[in-house]
Amino acid sequence: QVQLVESGGGLVQPGGSLRLSCAASGRVFSFNVMGWYRQAPGKERELVAVVTSGGNTNYADSVKGRFTISRDIAKNTVYLQMNSLKPEDTAVYYCNYHVPPGIYYWGKGTLVTVSS
């Protein structure tokens, strides 16, 4: 079993920055994949960014150049640095832990609101 707890969400103005954290506990292995997803009301949950054990990253086109995902293996923590935030980024952000090929664990989410 893996438990994921997100933090760092809140209200920020357009153009601002926010840093999300996800602390993992339980049967966590550094070689597995971690990522961030988000979901707005009435929308499907969508991939934001993922990072592999080897440090490879993938980003949704909508956040490329603005968001950066990273992980601290020693702390079992993944981060999402969000810069140049837009109102369209408003959503609940979820941390994900993926055990290939088909096991996924989710945090409860943290709300990010981008508004002036």
N, C-alpha and C. Protein backbone atom coordinates (compact mmCIF):
# COMPACT_ATOMS: atom_id res chain seq x y z
N GLN A 1 0.84 -1.18 0.00
CA GLN A 1 0.00 0.00 0.00
C GLN A 1 0.88 1.24 0.00
N VAL A 2 0.45 2.24 -0.76
CA VAL A 2 1.16 3.50 -0.85
C VAL A 2 0.19 4.63 -0.51
N GLN A 3 0.64 5.55 0.32
CA GLN A 3 -0.15 6.73 0.66
C GLN A 3 0.54 7.97 0.11
N LEU A 4 -0.25 8.86 -0.47
CA LEU A 4 0.26 10.08 -1.08
C LEU A 4 -0.48 11.27 -0.48
N VAL A 5 0.27 12.27 -0.06
CA VAL A 5 -0.32 13.47 0.52
C VAL A 5 0.22 14.69 -0.20
N GLU A 6 -0.68 15.42 -0.87
CA GLU A 6 -0.29 16.63 -1.58
C GLU A 6 -0.40 17.85 -0.67
N SER A 7 0.39 18.86 -0.98
CA SER A 7 0.32 20.12 -0.27
C SER A 7 0.84 21.23 -1.17
N GLY A 8 0.55 22.46 -0.81
CA GLY A 8 1.07 23.60 -1.53
C GLY A 8 0.08 24.34 -2.39
N GLY A 9 -1.13 23.82 -2.50
CA GLY A 9 -2.14 24.50 -3.30
C GLY A 9 -2.62 25.76 -2.62
N GLY A 10 -3.33 26.57 -3.39
CA GLY A 10 -3.86 27.81 -2.86
C GLY A 10 -4.28 28.76 -3.96
N LEU A 11 -4.48 30.01 -3.58
CA LEU A 11 -4.90 31.05 -4.51
C LEU A 11 -3.68 31.85 -4.96
N VAL A 12 -3.56 32.04 -6.26
CA VAL A 12 -2.45 32.80 -6.81
C VAL A 12 -2.95 33.62 -7.99
N GLN A 13 -2.33 34.77 -8.21
CA GLN A 13 -2.71 35.64 -9.32
C GLN A 13 -2.13 35.14 -10.64
N PRO A 14 -2.78 35.45 -11.74
CA PRO A 14 -2.20 35.10 -13.04
C PRO A 14 -0.78 35.63 -13.17
N GLY A 15 0.09 34.80 -13.71
CA GLY A 15 1.49 35.15 -13.84
C GLY A 15 2.32 34.78 -12.64
N GLY A 16 1.67 34.37 -11.57
CA GLY A 16 2.38 34.00 -10.36
C GLY A 16 2.91 32.58 -10.39
N SER A 17 3.49 32.18 -9.27
CA SER A 17 4.10 30.87 -9.15
C SER A 17 3.60 30.15 -7.91
N LEU A 18 3.67 28.84 -7.97
CA LEU A 18 3.27 27.99 -6.86
C LEU A 18 4.08 26.70 -6.94
N ARG A 19 4.38 26.14 -5.79
CA ARG A 19 5.13 24.89 -5.74
C ARG A 19 4.33 23.85 -4.97
N LEU A 20 3.99 22.76 -5.62
CA LEU A 20 3.27 21.67 -4.99
C LEU A 20 4.23 20.58 -4.55
N SER A 21 3.88 19.93 -3.45
CA SER A 21 4.67 18.82 -2.95
C SER A 21 3.78 17.60 -2.75
N CYS A 22 4.35 16.44 -2.92
CA CYS A 22 3.65 15.18 -2.68
C CYS A 22 4.58 14.26 -1.91
N ALA A 23 4.19 13.95 -0.69
CA ALA A 23 4.96 13.06 0.15
C ALA A 23 4.38 11.65 0.08
N ALA A 24 5.20 10.68 -0.24
CA ALA A 24 4.77 9.30 -0.38
C ALA A 24 5.28 8.47 0.79
N SER A 25 4.44 7.54 1.23
CA SER A 25 4.83 6.63 2.29
C SER A 25 4.26 5.25 2.00
N GLY A 26 4.78 4.25 2.69
CA GLY A 26 4.36 2.88 2.45
C GLY A 26 5.37 2.15 1.59
N ARG A 27 4.86 1.31 0.71
CA ARG A 27 5.72 0.53 -0.17
C ARG A 27 6.11 1.37 -1.38
N VAL A 28 7.03 2.29 -1.15
CA VAL A 28 7.48 3.20 -2.19
C VAL A 28 8.86 2.78 -2.67
N PHE A 29 9.00 2.69 -3.97
CA PHE A 29 10.27 2.32 -4.57
C PHE A 29 10.70 3.40 -5.53
N SER A 30 11.95 3.76 -5.46
CA SER A 30 12.45 4.89 -6.22
C SER A 30 12.44 4.67 -7.73
N PHE A 31 12.39 3.42 -8.16
CA PHE A 31 12.44 3.15 -9.58
C PHE A 31 11.08 3.23 -10.27
N ASN A 32 10.04 3.50 -9.52
CA ASN A 32 8.72 3.62 -10.11
C ASN A 32 8.46 5.06 -10.57
N VAL A 33 7.36 5.23 -11.29
CA VAL A 33 7.04 6.51 -11.91
C VAL A 33 6.12 7.32 -11.00
N MET A 34 6.38 8.60 -10.89
CA MET A 34 5.51 9.50 -10.17
C MET A 34 5.11 10.65 -11.08
N GLY A 35 3.93 11.19 -10.83
CA GLY A 35 3.46 12.25 -11.68
C GLY A 35 2.40 13.11 -11.04
N TRP A 36 2.01 14.14 -11.77
CA TRP A 36 0.95 15.04 -11.36
C TRP A 36 -0.14 15.06 -12.42
N TYR A 37 -1.37 14.99 -11.97
CA TYR A 37 -2.54 15.12 -12.81
C TYR A 37 -3.40 16.24 -12.25
N ARG A 38 -4.34 16.71 -13.05
CA ARG A 38 -5.25 17.72 -12.55
C ARG A 38 -6.64 17.50 -13.13
N GLN A 39 -7.63 18.02 -12.41
CA GLN A 39 -9.01 17.88 -12.84
C GLN A 39 -9.80 19.12 -12.46
N ALA A 40 -10.41 19.72 -13.45
CA ALA A 40 -11.31 20.83 -13.24
C ALA A 40 -12.75 20.32 -13.26
N PRO A 41 -13.69 21.03 -12.63
CA PRO A 41 -15.08 20.59 -12.63
C PRO A 41 -15.61 20.36 -14.04
N GLY A 42 -16.23 19.21 -14.25
CA GLY A 42 -16.78 18.88 -15.55
C GLY A 42 -15.76 18.40 -16.56
N LYS A 43 -14.52 18.30 -16.15
CA LYS A 43 -13.45 17.86 -17.05
C LYS A 43 -12.91 16.50 -16.62
N GLU A 44 -12.30 15.83 -17.57
CA GLU A 44 -11.61 14.59 -17.27
C GLU A 44 -10.29 14.89 -16.57
N ARG A 45 -9.87 13.98 -15.72
CA ARG A 45 -8.56 14.12 -15.12
C ARG A 45 -7.50 13.97 -16.22
N GLU A 46 -6.56 14.90 -16.25
CA GLU A 46 -5.57 14.91 -17.30
C GLU A 46 -4.15 14.91 -16.75
N LEU A 47 -3.26 14.34 -17.53
CA LEU A 47 -1.86 14.31 -17.17
C LEU A 47 -1.26 15.71 -17.26
N VAL A 48 -0.49 16.07 -16.24
CA VAL A 48 0.24 17.33 -16.24
C VAL A 48 1.72 17.06 -16.50
N ALA A 49 2.31 16.18 -15.71
CA ALA A 49 3.73 15.88 -15.84
C ALA A 49 4.04 14.58 -15.13
N VAL A 50 5.05 13.87 -15.63
CA VAL A 50 5.54 12.66 -14.98
C VAL A 50 7.06 12.67 -14.97
N VAL A 51 7.62 11.97 -14.01
CA VAL A 51 9.06 11.80 -13.93
C VAL A 51 9.35 10.34 -13.63
N THR A 52 10.32 9.77 -14.34
CA THR A 52 10.70 8.38 -14.15
C THR A 52 11.85 8.28 -13.16
N SER A 53 12.16 7.03 -12.79
CA SER A 53 13.27 6.81 -11.87
C SER A 53 14.59 7.26 -12.46
N GLY A 54 14.68 7.27 -13.78
CA GLY A 54 15.88 7.71 -14.45
C GLY A 54 15.96 9.22 -14.64
N GLY A 55 14.92 9.92 -14.22
CA GLY A 55 14.92 11.37 -14.32
C GLY A 55 14.31 11.91 -15.60
N ASN A 56 13.81 11.04 -16.46
CA ASN A 56 13.14 11.51 -17.67
C ASN A 56 11.79 12.12 -17.32
N THR A 57 11.44 13.17 -18.01
CA THR A 57 10.19 13.88 -17.74
C THR A 57 9.35 14.02 -19.00
N ASN A 58 8.05 14.09 -18.79
CA ASN A 58 7.10 14.36 -19.86
C ASN A 58 6.08 15.36 -19.35
N TYR A 59 5.66 16.26 -20.22
CA TYR A 59 4.73 17.31 -19.84
C TYR A 59 3.59 17.41 -20.84
N ALA A 60 2.45 17.80 -20.33
CA ALA A 60 1.35 18.16 -21.22
C ALA A 60 1.75 19.39 -22.02
N ASP A 61 1.29 19.46 -23.26
CA ASP A 61 1.64 20.60 -24.10
C ASP A 61 1.25 21.93 -23.46
N SER A 62 0.17 21.93 -22.71
CA SER A 62 -0.35 23.16 -22.14
C SER A 62 0.54 23.74 -21.04
N VAL A 63 1.45 22.93 -20.50
CA VAL A 63 2.29 23.41 -19.39
C VAL A 63 3.77 23.42 -19.72
N LYS A 64 4.14 22.97 -20.90
CA LYS A 64 5.54 22.93 -21.28
C LYS A 64 6.16 24.33 -21.22
N GLY A 65 7.32 24.40 -20.62
CA GLY A 65 8.00 25.67 -20.48
C GLY A 65 7.60 26.46 -19.26
N ARG A 66 6.52 26.05 -18.59
CA ARG A 66 6.04 26.77 -17.42
C ARG A 66 6.14 25.94 -16.14
N PHE A 67 5.92 24.63 -16.26
CA PHE A 67 5.93 23.75 -15.10
C PHE A 67 7.18 22.87 -15.13
N THR A 68 7.66 22.52 -13.95
CA THR A 68 8.80 21.62 -13.82
C THR A 68 8.51 20.58 -12.74
N ILE A 69 8.62 19.31 -13.10
CA ILE A 69 8.44 18.24 -12.14
C ILE A 69 9.80 17.72 -11.70
N SER A 70 9.93 17.40 -10.44
CA SER A 70 11.16 16.85 -9.91
C SER A 70 10.85 15.95 -8.73
N ARG A 71 11.81 15.16 -8.33
CA ARG A 71 11.60 14.28 -7.17
C ARG A 71 12.85 14.19 -6.32
N ASP A 72 12.64 14.04 -5.03
CA ASP A 72 13.70 13.82 -4.08
C ASP A 72 13.57 12.37 -3.63
N ILE A 73 14.42 11.51 -4.15
CA ILE A 73 14.31 10.08 -3.89
C ILE A 73 14.47 9.77 -2.40
N ALA A 74 15.42 10.42 -1.76
CA ALA A 74 15.67 10.17 -0.35
C ALA A 74 14.46 10.50 0.51
N LYS A 75 13.68 11.50 0.11
CA LYS A 75 12.52 11.92 0.88
C LYS A 75 11.21 11.34 0.36
N ASN A 76 11.28 10.55 -0.71
CA ASN A 76 10.07 10.00 -1.34
C ASN A 76 9.05 11.11 -1.62
N THR A 77 9.53 12.18 -2.18
CA THR A 77 8.70 13.34 -2.43
C THR A 77 8.86 13.81 -3.87
N VAL A 78 7.75 14.16 -4.48
CA VAL A 78 7.76 14.71 -5.83
C VAL A 78 7.22 16.13 -5.77
N TYR A 79 7.76 17.00 -6.61
CA TYR A 79 7.38 18.40 -6.61
C TYR A 79 6.89 18.82 -7.98
N LEU A 80 6.09 19.85 -7.98
CA LEU A 80 5.67 20.48 -9.22
C LEU A 80 5.81 21.98 -9.05
N GLN A 81 6.81 22.54 -9.70
CA GLN A 81 7.01 23.98 -9.71
C GLN A 81 6.20 24.56 -10.85
N MET A 82 5.29 25.45 -10.54
CA MET A 82 4.40 26.03 -11.53
C MET A 82 4.67 27.52 -11.63
N ASN A 83 5.09 27.95 -12.81
CA ASN A 83 5.37 29.35 -13.07
C ASN A 83 4.44 29.88 -14.16
N SER A 84 4.35 31.19 -14.24
CA SER A 84 3.52 31.84 -15.25
C SER A 84 2.12 31.25 -15.28
N LEU A 85 1.52 31.14 -14.13
CA LEU A 85 0.22 30.49 -14.01
C LEU A 85 -0.87 31.27 -14.73
N LYS A 86 -1.79 30.52 -15.30
CA LYS A 86 -2.92 31.07 -16.03
C LYS A 86 -4.22 30.63 -15.38
N PRO A 87 -5.30 31.37 -15.58
CA PRO A 87 -6.60 30.93 -15.04
C PRO A 87 -6.98 29.52 -15.48
N GLU A 88 -6.55 29.13 -16.68
CA GLU A 88 -6.85 27.80 -17.19
C GLU A 88 -6.16 26.69 -16.40
N ASP A 89 -5.20 27.05 -15.56
CA ASP A 89 -4.52 26.07 -14.72
C ASP A 89 -5.31 25.73 -13.46
N THR A 90 -6.39 26.45 -13.22
CA THR A 90 -7.20 26.21 -12.03
C THR A 90 -7.77 24.80 -12.06
N ALA A 91 -7.49 24.04 -11.01
CA ALA A 91 -7.93 22.65 -10.94
C ALA A 91 -7.51 22.07 -9.60
N VAL A 92 -8.02 20.89 -9.33
CA VAL A 92 -7.49 20.09 -8.24
C VAL A 92 -6.34 19.27 -8.79
N TYR A 93 -5.20 19.37 -8.16
CA TYR A 93 -4.01 18.67 -8.62
C TYR A 93 -3.79 17.43 -7.77
N TYR A 94 -3.58 16.31 -8.45
CA TYR A 94 -3.42 15.03 -7.79
C TYR A 94 -2.04 14.46 -8.04
N CYS A 95 -1.46 13.91 -7.01
CA CYS A 95 -0.21 13.19 -7.12
C CYS A 95 -0.50 11.74 -7.47
N ASN A 96 0.35 11.16 -8.29
CA ASN A 96 0.17 9.78 -8.73
C ASN A 96 1.46 8.99 -8.57
N TYR A 97 1.30 7.76 -8.13
CA TYR A 97 2.41 6.82 -8.03
C TYR A 97 2.04 5.61 -8.87
N HIS A 98 2.88 5.30 -9.86
CA HIS A 98 2.58 4.27 -10.83
C HIS A 98 3.53 3.10 -10.69
N VAL A 99 2.97 1.93 -10.44
CA VAL A 99 3.74 0.69 -10.43
C VAL A 99 3.44 -0.03 -11.73
N PRO A 100 4.36 0.02 -12.68
CA PRO A 100 4.11 -0.61 -13.97
C PRO A 100 3.83 -2.09 -13.84
N PRO A 101 2.93 -2.66 -14.69
CA PRO A 101 2.34 -1.94 -15.81
C PRO A 101 1.00 -1.26 -15.54
N GLY A 102 0.29 -1.66 -14.48
CA GLY A 102 -1.07 -1.16 -14.35
C GLY A 102 -1.58 -0.86 -12.96
N ILE A 103 -0.72 -0.58 -12.01
CA ILE A 103 -1.16 -0.23 -10.66
C ILE A 103 -0.90 1.25 -10.41
N TYR A 104 -1.93 1.95 -9.97
CA TYR A 104 -1.84 3.39 -9.73
C TYR A 104 -2.36 3.73 -8.34
N TYR A 105 -1.65 4.63 -7.66
CA TYR A 105 -2.07 5.17 -6.39
C TYR A 105 -2.26 6.67 -6.53
N TRP A 106 -3.24 7.21 -5.79
CA TRP A 106 -3.58 8.62 -5.91
C TRP A 106 -3.65 9.29 -4.56
N GLY A 107 -3.24 10.55 -4.53
CA GLY A 107 -3.48 11.37 -3.37
C GLY A 107 -4.89 11.93 -3.42
N LYS A 108 -5.27 12.65 -2.39
CA LYS A 108 -6.62 13.22 -2.32
C LYS A 108 -6.74 14.54 -3.06
N GLY A 109 -5.63 15.12 -3.44
CA GLY A 109 -5.64 16.33 -4.24
C GLY A 109 -5.44 17.60 -3.44
N THR A 110 -4.94 18.62 -4.13
CA THR A 110 -4.80 19.95 -3.56
C THR A 110 -5.30 20.96 -4.59
N LEU A 111 -6.09 21.91 -4.14
CA LEU A 111 -6.74 22.86 -5.05
C LEU A 111 -5.83 24.02 -5.37
N VAL A 112 -5.70 24.29 -6.66
CA VAL A 112 -4.97 25.46 -7.15
C VAL A 112 -5.96 26.36 -7.87
N THR A 113 -6.05 27.60 -7.42
CA THR A 113 -6.93 28.57 -8.02
C THR A 113 -6.12 29.76 -8.52
N VAL A 114 -6.21 30.02 -9.81
CA VAL A 114 -5.48 31.12 -10.42
C VAL A 114 -6.50 32.19 -10.82
N SER A 115 -6.49 33.29 -10.11
CA SER A 115 -7.47 34.34 -10.34
C SER A 115 -6.96 35.67 -9.81
N SER A 116 -7.38 36.75 -10.46
CA SER A 116 -7.03 38.08 -10.00
C SER A 116 -8.10 38.66 -9.09
